[in-house]
PDB file of all heavy atoms in Angstrom:
ATOM      1  N   THR A   1       0.862  -1.172  -0.006  1.00  0.00           N
ATOM      2  CA  THR A   1      -0.010  -0.024   0.023  1.00  0.00           C
ATOM      3  C   THR A   1       0.897   1.238   0.003  1.00  0.00           C
ATOM      4  O   THR A   1       1.839   1.326   0.775  1.00  0.00           O
ATOM      5  CB  THR A   1      -0.872   0.019   1.267  1.00  0.00           C
ATOM      6  OG1 THR A   1      -1.661  -1.162   1.283  1.00  0.00           O
ATOM      7  CG2 THR A   1      -1.861   1.221   1.245  1.00  0.00           C
ATOM      8  N   VAL A   2       0.574   2.158  -0.902  1.00  0.00           N
ATOM      9  CA  VAL A   2       1.311   3.428  -0.943  1.00  0.00           C
ATOM     10  C   VAL A   2       0.327   4.429  -0.291  1.00  0.00           C
ATOM     11  O   VAL A   2      -0.830   4.571  -0.700  1.00  0.00           O
ATOM     12  CB  VAL A   2       1.625   3.866  -2.365  1.00  0.00           C
ATOM     13  CG1 VAL A   2       2.295   5.200  -2.373  1.00  0.00           C
ATOM     14  CG2 VAL A   2       2.550   2.823  -3.014  1.00  0.00           C
ATOM     15  N   THR A   3       0.808   5.097   0.794  1.00  0.00           N
ATOM     16  CA  THR A   3      -0.010   6.032   1.519  1.00  0.00           C
ATOM     17  C   THR A   3       0.549   7.438   1.445  1.00  0.00           C
ATOM     18  O   THR A   3       1.790   7.621   1.179  1.00  0.00           O
ATOM     19  CB  THR A   3      -0.182   5.646   3.006  1.00  0.00           C
ATOM     20  OG1 THR A   3       1.122   5.616   3.587  1.00  0.00           O
ATOM     21  CG2 THR A   3      -0.873   4.326   3.165  1.00  0.00           C
ATOM     22  N   GLY A   4      -0.299   8.380   1.711  1.00  0.00           N
ATOM     23  CA  GLY A   4       0.151   9.794   1.760  1.00  0.00           C
ATOM     24  C   GLY A   4      -0.226  10.456   0.410  1.00  0.00           C
ATOM     25  O   GLY A   4      -0.915   9.853  -0.386  1.00  0.00           O
ATOM     26  N   THR A   5       0.294  11.654   0.224  1.00  0.00           N
ATOM     27  CA  THR A   5       0.010  12.359  -0.969  1.00  0.00           C
ATOM     28  C   THR A   5       1.329  12.663  -1.675  1.00  0.00           C
ATOM     29  O   THR A   5       2.345  12.806  -1.065  1.00  0.00           O
ATOM     30  CB  THR A   5      -0.720  13.664  -0.720  1.00  0.00           C
ATOM     31  OG1 THR A   5       0.055  14.443   0.200  1.00  0.00           O
ATOM     32  CG2 THR A   5      -2.094  13.447  -0.124  1.00  0.00           C
ATOM     33  N   SER A   6       1.288  12.715  -2.992  1.00  0.00           N
ATOM     34  CA  SER A   6       2.497  13.110  -3.714  1.00  0.00           C
ATOM     35  C   SER A   6       2.293  14.503  -4.283  1.00  0.00           C
ATOM     36  O   SER A   6       1.160  14.944  -4.489  1.00  0.00           O
ATOM     37  CB  SER A   6       2.771  12.095  -4.836  1.00  0.00           C
ATOM     38  OG  SER A   6       1.593  11.918  -5.631  1.00  0.00           O
ATOM     39  N   GLY A   7       3.387  15.157  -4.508  1.00  0.00           N
ATOM     40  CA  GLY A   7       3.330  16.498  -5.093  1.00  0.00           C
ATOM     41  C   GLY A   7       2.848  17.580  -4.109  1.00  0.00           C
ATOM     42  O   GLY A   7       2.178  18.508  -4.497  1.00  0.00           O
ATOM     43  N   GLY A   8       3.196  17.467  -2.856  1.00  0.00           N
ATOM     44  CA  GLY A   8       2.889  18.498  -1.883  1.00  0.00           C
ATOM     45  C   GLY A   8       1.659  18.202  -1.099  1.00  0.00           C
ATOM     46  O   GLY A   8       1.209  17.048  -1.057  1.00  0.00           O
ATOM     47  N   THR A   9       1.094  19.196  -0.437  1.00  0.00           N
ATOM     48  CA  THR A   9      -0.058  18.959   0.452  1.00  0.00           C
ATOM     49  C   THR A   9      -1.333  18.941  -0.381  1.00  0.00           C
ATOM     50  O   THR A   9      -1.479  19.709  -1.372  1.00  0.00           O
ATOM     51  CB  THR A   9      -0.181  20.070   1.508  1.00  0.00           C
ATOM     52  OG1 THR A   9       0.211  21.326   0.939  1.00  0.00           O
ATOM     53  CG2 THR A   9       0.699  19.779   2.709  1.00  0.00           C
ATOM     54  N   SER A  10      -2.265  18.125  -0.003  1.00  0.00           N
ATOM     55  CA  SER A  10      -3.559  18.047  -0.687  1.00  0.00           C
ATOM     56  C   SER A  10      -4.531  18.999   0.014  1.00  0.00           C
ATOM     57  O   SER A  10      -4.245  19.527   1.102  1.00  0.00           O
ATOM     58  CB  SER A  10      -4.091  16.618  -0.618  1.00  0.00           C
ATOM     59  OG  SER A  10      -4.484  16.309   0.711  1.00  0.00           O
ATOM     60  N   ALA A  11      -5.653  19.184  -0.561  1.00  0.00           N
ATOM     61  CA  ALA A  11      -6.645  20.124  -0.014  1.00  0.00           C
ATOM     62  C   ALA A  11      -7.191  19.639   1.325  1.00  0.00           C
ATOM     63  O   ALA A  11      -7.537  20.418   2.179  1.00  0.00           O
ATOM     64  CB  ALA A  11      -7.804  20.298  -0.985  1.00  0.00           C
ATOM     65  N   SER A  12      -7.190  18.316   1.585  1.00  0.00           N
ATOM     66  CA  SER A  12      -7.751  17.775   2.808  1.00  0.00           C
ATOM     67  C   SER A  12      -6.708  17.832   3.949  1.00  0.00           C
ATOM     68  O   SER A  12      -7.053  17.578   5.086  1.00  0.00           O
ATOM     69  CB  SER A  12      -8.236  16.363   2.578  1.00  0.00           C
ATOM     70  OG  SER A  12      -7.164  15.519   2.223  1.00  0.00           O
ATOM     71  N   THR A  13      -5.477  18.002   3.615  1.00  0.00           N
ATOM     72  CA  THR A  13      -4.426  18.031   4.674  1.00  0.00           C
ATOM     73  C   THR A  13      -4.142  19.487   5.065  1.00  0.00           C
ATOM     74  O   THR A  13      -3.822  20.307   4.163  1.00  0.00           O
ATOM     75  CB  THR A  13      -3.129  17.399   4.166  1.00  0.00           C
ATOM     76  OG1 THR A  13      -3.430  16.056   3.685  1.00  0.00           O
ATOM     77  CG2 THR A  13      -2.072  17.302   5.260  1.00  0.00           C
ATOM     78  N   PRO A  14      -4.233  19.800   6.310  1.00  0.00           N
ATOM     79  CA  PRO A  14      -3.956  21.183   6.709  1.00  0.00           C
ATOM     80  C   PRO A  14      -2.531  21.574   6.393  1.00  0.00           C
ATOM     81  O   PRO A  14      -1.621  20.772   6.596  1.00  0.00           O
ATOM     82  CB  PRO A  14      -4.217  21.237   8.234  1.00  0.00           C
ATOM     83  CG  PRO A  14      -4.356  19.811   8.666  1.00  0.00           C
ATOM     84  CD  PRO A  14      -4.548  18.978   7.436  1.00  0.00           C
ATOM     85  N   ALA A  15      -2.331  22.789   5.909  1.00  0.00           N
ATOM     86  CA  ALA A  15      -0.991  23.244   5.637  1.00  0.00           C
ATOM     87  C   ALA A  15      -0.254  23.539   6.928  1.00  0.00           C
ATOM     88  O   ALA A  15      -0.889  23.808   7.927  1.00  0.00           O
ATOM     89  CB  ALA A  15      -1.085  24.549   4.768  1.00  0.00           C
ATOM     90  N   SER A  16       1.032  23.480   6.874  1.00  0.00           N
ATOM     91  CA  SER A  16       1.855  23.727   8.106  1.00  0.00           C
ATOM     92  C   SER A  16       1.633  25.177   8.536  1.00  0.00           C
ATOM     93  O   SER A  16       1.646  26.104   7.719  1.00  0.00           O
ATOM     94  CB  SER A  16       3.285  23.503   7.746  1.00  0.00           C
ATOM     95  OG  SER A  16       4.080  23.843   8.860  1.00  0.00           O
ATOM     96  N   THR A  17       1.431  25.315   9.843  1.00  0.00           N
ATOM     97  CA  THR A  17       1.206  26.645  10.385  1.00  0.00           C
ATOM     98  C   THR A  17       2.491  27.259  10.932  1.00  0.00           C
ATOM     99  O   THR A  17       2.516  28.355  11.402  1.00  0.00           O
ATOM    100  CB  THR A  17       0.141  26.603  11.512  1.00  0.00           C
ATOM    101  OG1 THR A  17       0.594  25.650  12.474  1.00  0.00           O
ATOM    102  CG2 THR A  17      -1.207  26.225  11.001  1.00  0.00           C
ATOM    103  N   THR A  18       3.560  26.447  10.925  1.00  0.00           N
ATOM    104  CA  THR A  18       4.824  26.948  11.395  1.00  0.00           C
ATOM    105  C   THR A  18       5.857  26.780  10.293  1.00  0.00           C
ATOM    106  O   THR A  18       5.742  25.936   9.422  1.00  0.00           O
ATOM    107  CB  THR A  18       5.317  26.194  12.627  1.00  0.00           C
ATOM    108  OG1 THR A  18       5.490  24.825  12.285  1.00  0.00           O
ATOM    109  CG2 THR A  18       4.348  26.351  13.770  1.00  0.00           C
ATOM    110  N   SER A  19       6.876  27.637  10.335  1.00  0.00           N
ATOM    111  CA  SER A  19       7.949  27.497   9.378  1.00  0.00           C
ATOM    112  C   SER A  19       8.847  26.317   9.834  1.00  0.00           C
ATOM    113  O   SER A  19       8.795  25.906  10.963  1.00  0.00           O
ATOM    114  CB  SER A  19       8.787  28.780   9.336  1.00  0.00           C
ATOM    115  OG  SER A  19       9.318  29.026  10.577  1.00  0.00           O
ATOM    116  N   GLU A  20       9.533  25.736   8.871  1.00  0.00           N
ATOM    117  CA  GLU A  20      10.403  24.593   9.183  1.00  0.00           C
ATOM    118  C   GLU A  20      11.677  25.065   9.786  1.00  0.00           C
ATOM    119  O   GLU A  20      12.643  25.323   9.109  1.00  0.00           O
ATOM    120  CB  GLU A  20      10.619  23.753   7.929  1.00  0.00           C
ATOM    121  CG  GLU A  20       9.387  23.069   7.414  1.00  0.00           C
ATOM    122  CD  GLU A  20       8.709  22.116   8.416  1.00  0.00           C
ATOM    123  OE1 GLU A  20       9.425  21.394   9.139  1.00  0.00           O
ATOM    124  OE2 GLU A  20       7.477  22.131   8.519  1.00  0.00           O
ATOM    125  N   LYS A  21      11.704  25.239  11.096  1.00  0.00           N
ATOM    126  CA  LYS A  21      12.910  25.654  11.781  1.00  0.00           C
ATOM    127  C   LYS A  21      13.130  24.726  12.961  1.00  0.00           C
ATOM    128  O   LYS A  21      12.188  24.049  13.379  1.00  0.00           O
ATOM    129  CB  LYS A  21      12.828  27.144  12.230  1.00  0.00           C
ATOM    130  CG  LYS A  21      11.736  27.486  13.134  1.00  0.00           C
ATOM    131  CD  LYS A  21      11.743  28.982  13.434  1.00  0.00           C
ATOM    132  CE  LYS A  21      10.545  29.448  14.247  1.00  0.00           C
ATOM    133  NZ  LYS A  21      10.511  30.875  14.424  1.00  0.00           N
ATOM    134  N   PRO A  22      14.319  24.670  13.501  1.00  0.00           N
ATOM    135  CA  PRO A  22      14.566  23.760  14.592  1.00  0.00           C
ATOM    136  C   PRO A  22      13.637  24.009  15.760  1.00  0.00           C
ATOM    137  O   PRO A  22      13.292  25.171  16.075  1.00  0.00           O
ATOM    138  CB  PRO A  22      15.982  24.043  14.962  1.00  0.00           C
ATOM    139  CG  PRO A  22      16.598  24.733  13.822  1.00  0.00           C
ATOM    140  CD  PRO A  22      15.494  25.464  13.116  1.00  0.00           C
ATOM    141  N   ILE A  23      13.264  22.924  16.504  1.00  0.00           N
ATOM    142  CA  ILE A  23      12.356  23.062  17.651  1.00  0.00           C
ATOM    143  C   ILE A  23      12.947  24.050  18.681  1.00  0.00           C
ATOM    144  O   ILE A  23      12.203  24.766  19.308  1.00  0.00           O
ATOM    145  CB  ILE A  23      12.108  21.697  18.272  1.00  0.00           C
ATOM    146  CG1 ILE A  23      11.020  20.984  17.501  1.00  0.00           C
ATOM    147  CG2 ILE A  23      11.822  21.728  19.737  1.00  0.00           C
ATOM    148  CD1 ILE A  23      10.516  19.713  18.077  1.00  0.00           C
ATOM    149  N   SER A  24      14.250  24.038  18.817  1.00  0.00           N
ATOM    150  CA  SER A  24      14.900  24.940  19.825  1.00  0.00           C
ATOM    151  C   SER A  24      14.623  26.406  19.525  1.00  0.00           C
ATOM    152  O   SER A  24      14.753  27.239  20.402  1.00  0.00           O
ATOM    153  CB  SER A  24      16.376  24.655  19.910  1.00  0.00           C
ATOM    154  OG  SER A  24      16.948  24.890  18.637  1.00  0.00           O
ATOM    155  N   GLN A  25      14.275  26.716  18.264  1.00  0.00           N
ATOM    156  CA  GLN A  25      14.015  28.122  17.898  1.00  0.00           C
ATOM    157  C   GLN A  25      12.504  28.438  17.796  1.00  0.00           C
ATOM    158  O   GLN A  25      12.154  29.545  17.510  1.00  0.00           O
ATOM    159  CB  GLN A  25      14.684  28.438  16.563  1.00  0.00           C
ATOM    160  CG  GLN A  25      16.166  28.318  16.623  1.00  0.00           C
ATOM    161  CD  GLN A  25      16.804  28.568  15.247  1.00  0.00           C
ATOM    162  OE1 GLN A  25      16.155  28.894  14.292  1.00  0.00           O
ATOM    163  NE2 GLN A  25      18.145  28.415  15.179  1.00  0.00           N
ATOM    164  N   MET A  26      11.642  27.443  18.080  1.00  0.00           N
ATOM    165  CA  MET A  26      10.212  27.667  18.016  1.00  0.00           C
ATOM    166  C   MET A  26       9.653  28.225  19.292  1.00  0.00           C
ATOM    167  O   MET A  26      10.158  27.867  20.365  1.00  0.00           O
ATOM    168  CB  MET A  26       9.465  26.350  17.673  1.00  0.00           C
ATOM    169  CG  MET A  26       9.661  25.820  16.259  1.00  0.00           C
ATOM    170  SD  MET A  26       8.693  24.322  16.087  1.00  0.00           S
ATOM    171  CE  MET A  26       9.084  23.886  14.411  1.00  0.00           C
ATOM    172  N   THR A  27       8.606  29.017  19.170  1.00  0.00           N
ATOM    173  CA  THR A  27       7.907  29.488  20.353  1.00  0.00           C
ATOM    174  C   THR A  27       6.972  28.384  20.784  1.00  0.00           C
ATOM    175  O   THR A  27       6.736  27.405  20.086  1.00  0.00           O
ATOM    176  CB  THR A  27       7.049  30.758  20.051  1.00  0.00           C
ATOM    177  OG1 THR A  27       6.027  30.362  19.136  1.00  0.00           O
ATOM    178  CG2 THR A  27       7.882  31.860  19.488  1.00  0.00           C
ATOM    179  N   THR A  28       6.444  28.510  22.038  1.00  0.00           N
ATOM    180  CA  THR A  28       5.504  27.511  22.533  1.00  0.00           C
ATOM    181  C   THR A  28       4.300  27.345  21.649  1.00  0.00           C
ATOM    182  O   THR A  28       3.827  26.254  21.358  1.00  0.00           O
ATOM    183  CB  THR A  28       5.040  27.930  23.982  1.00  0.00           C
ATOM    184  OG1 THR A  28       6.184  28.051  24.799  1.00  0.00           O
ATOM    185  CG2 THR A  28       4.119  26.862  24.592  1.00  0.00           C
ATOM    186  N   GLN A  29       3.787  28.485  21.101  1.00  0.00           N
ATOM    187  CA  GLN A  29       2.648  28.396  20.187  1.00  0.00           C
ATOM    188  C   GLN A  29       2.992  27.657  18.912  1.00  0.00           C
ATOM    189  O   GLN A  29       2.190  26.894  18.424  1.00  0.00           O
ATOM    190  CB  GLN A  29       2.180  29.842  19.845  1.00  0.00           C
ATOM    191  CG  GLN A  29       1.281  30.474  20.823  1.00  0.00           C
ATOM    192  CD  GLN A  29       0.740  31.768  20.312  1.00  0.00           C
ATOM    193  OE1 GLN A  29       1.521  32.579  19.718  1.00  0.00           O
ATOM    194  NE2 GLN A  29      -0.551  32.062  20.483  1.00  0.00           N
ATOM    195  N   GLU A  30       4.149  27.882  18.350  1.00  0.00           N
ATOM    196  CA  GLU A  30       4.589  27.220  17.139  1.00  0.00           C
ATOM    197  C   GLU A  30       4.711  25.696  17.401  1.00  0.00           C
ATOM    198  O   GLU A  30       4.332  24.876  16.580  1.00  0.00           O
ATOM    199  CB  GLU A  30       5.913  27.753  16.637  1.00  0.00           C
ATOM    200  CG  GLU A  30       5.796  29.152  16.060  1.00  0.00           C
ATOM    201  CD  GLU A  30       7.167  29.781  15.716  1.00  0.00           C
ATOM    202  OE1 GLU A  30       8.113  29.563  16.421  1.00  0.00           O
ATOM    203  OE2 GLU A  30       7.204  30.471  14.682  1.00  0.00           O
ATOM    204  N   ILE A  31       5.267  25.339  18.561  1.00  0.00           N
ATOM    205  CA  ILE A  31       5.416  23.923  18.918  1.00  0.00           C
ATOM    206  C   ILE A  31       4.051  23.291  19.032  1.00  0.00           C
ATOM    207  O   ILE A  31       3.780  22.192  18.536  1.00  0.00           O
ATOM    208  CB  ILE A  31       6.257  23.725  20.202  1.00  0.00           C
ATOM    209  CG1 ILE A  31       7.751  24.104  19.905  1.00  0.00           C
ATOM    210  CG2 ILE A  31       6.196  22.314  20.680  1.00  0.00           C
ATOM    211  CD1 ILE A  31       8.609  24.166  21.143  1.00  0.00           C
ATOM    212  N   GLN A  32       3.096  23.954  19.687  1.00  0.00           N
ATOM    213  CA  GLN A  32       1.759  23.439  19.846  1.00  0.00           C
ATOM    214  C   GLN A  32       1.080  23.251  18.502  1.00  0.00           C
ATOM    215  O   GLN A  32       0.379  22.264  18.265  1.00  0.00           O
ATOM    216  CB  GLN A  32       0.928  24.343  20.771  1.00  0.00           C
ATOM    217  CG  GLN A  32       1.339  24.236  22.229  1.00  0.00           C
ATOM    218  CD  GLN A  32       0.641  25.263  23.110  1.00  0.00           C
ATOM    219  OE1 GLN A  32       0.117  26.321  22.625  1.00  0.00           O
ATOM    220  NE2 GLN A  32       0.568  25.005  24.403  1.00  0.00           N
ATOM    221  N   ALA A  33       1.265  24.211  17.597  1.00  0.00           N
ATOM    222  CA  ALA A  33       0.681  24.146  16.242  1.00  0.00           C
ATOM    223  C   ALA A  33       1.269  22.955  15.512  1.00  0.00           C
ATOM    224  O   ALA A  33       0.592  22.199  14.760  1.00  0.00           O
ATOM    225  CB  ALA A  33       0.916  25.423  15.481  1.00  0.00           C
ATOM    226  N   LYS A  34       2.594  22.727  15.654  1.00  0.00           N
ATOM    227  CA  LYS A  34       3.273  21.614  14.977  1.00  0.00           C
ATOM    228  C   LYS A  34       2.717  20.267  15.548  1.00  0.00           C
ATOM    229  O   LYS A  34       2.476  19.344  14.772  1.00  0.00           O
ATOM    230  CB  LYS A  34       4.780  21.706  15.165  1.00  0.00           C
ATOM    231  CG  LYS A  34       5.581  20.615  14.502  1.00  0.00           C
ATOM    232  CD  LYS A  34       5.335  20.483  13.043  1.00  0.00           C
ATOM    233  CE  LYS A  34       6.264  21.305  12.212  1.00  0.00           C
ATOM    234  NZ  LYS A  34       6.050  21.178  10.746  1.00  0.00           N
ATOM    235  N   ILE A  35       2.513  20.216  16.857  1.00  0.00           N
ATOM    236  CA  ILE A  35       1.980  18.961  17.466  1.00  0.00           C
ATOM    237  C   ILE A  35       0.561  18.682  16.906  1.00  0.00           C
ATOM    238  O   ILE A  35       0.265  17.526  16.541  1.00  0.00           O
ATOM    239  CB  ILE A  35       1.970  19.104  18.969  1.00  0.00           C
ATOM    240  CG1 ILE A  35       3.377  19.074  19.527  1.00  0.00           C
ATOM    241  CG2 ILE A  35       1.084  17.989  19.617  1.00  0.00           C
ATOM    242  CD1 ILE A  35       3.504  19.390  21.026  1.00  0.00           C
TER     243      ILE A  35
END
């Protein structure tokens, strides 16, 4: 079985609300959004 989406995010998958930066540089809100 091949799972997931190819070619980026699909309409049904929420887009990332945080930028891709190291956890050590994220605020508490960014970490909660990532979780």
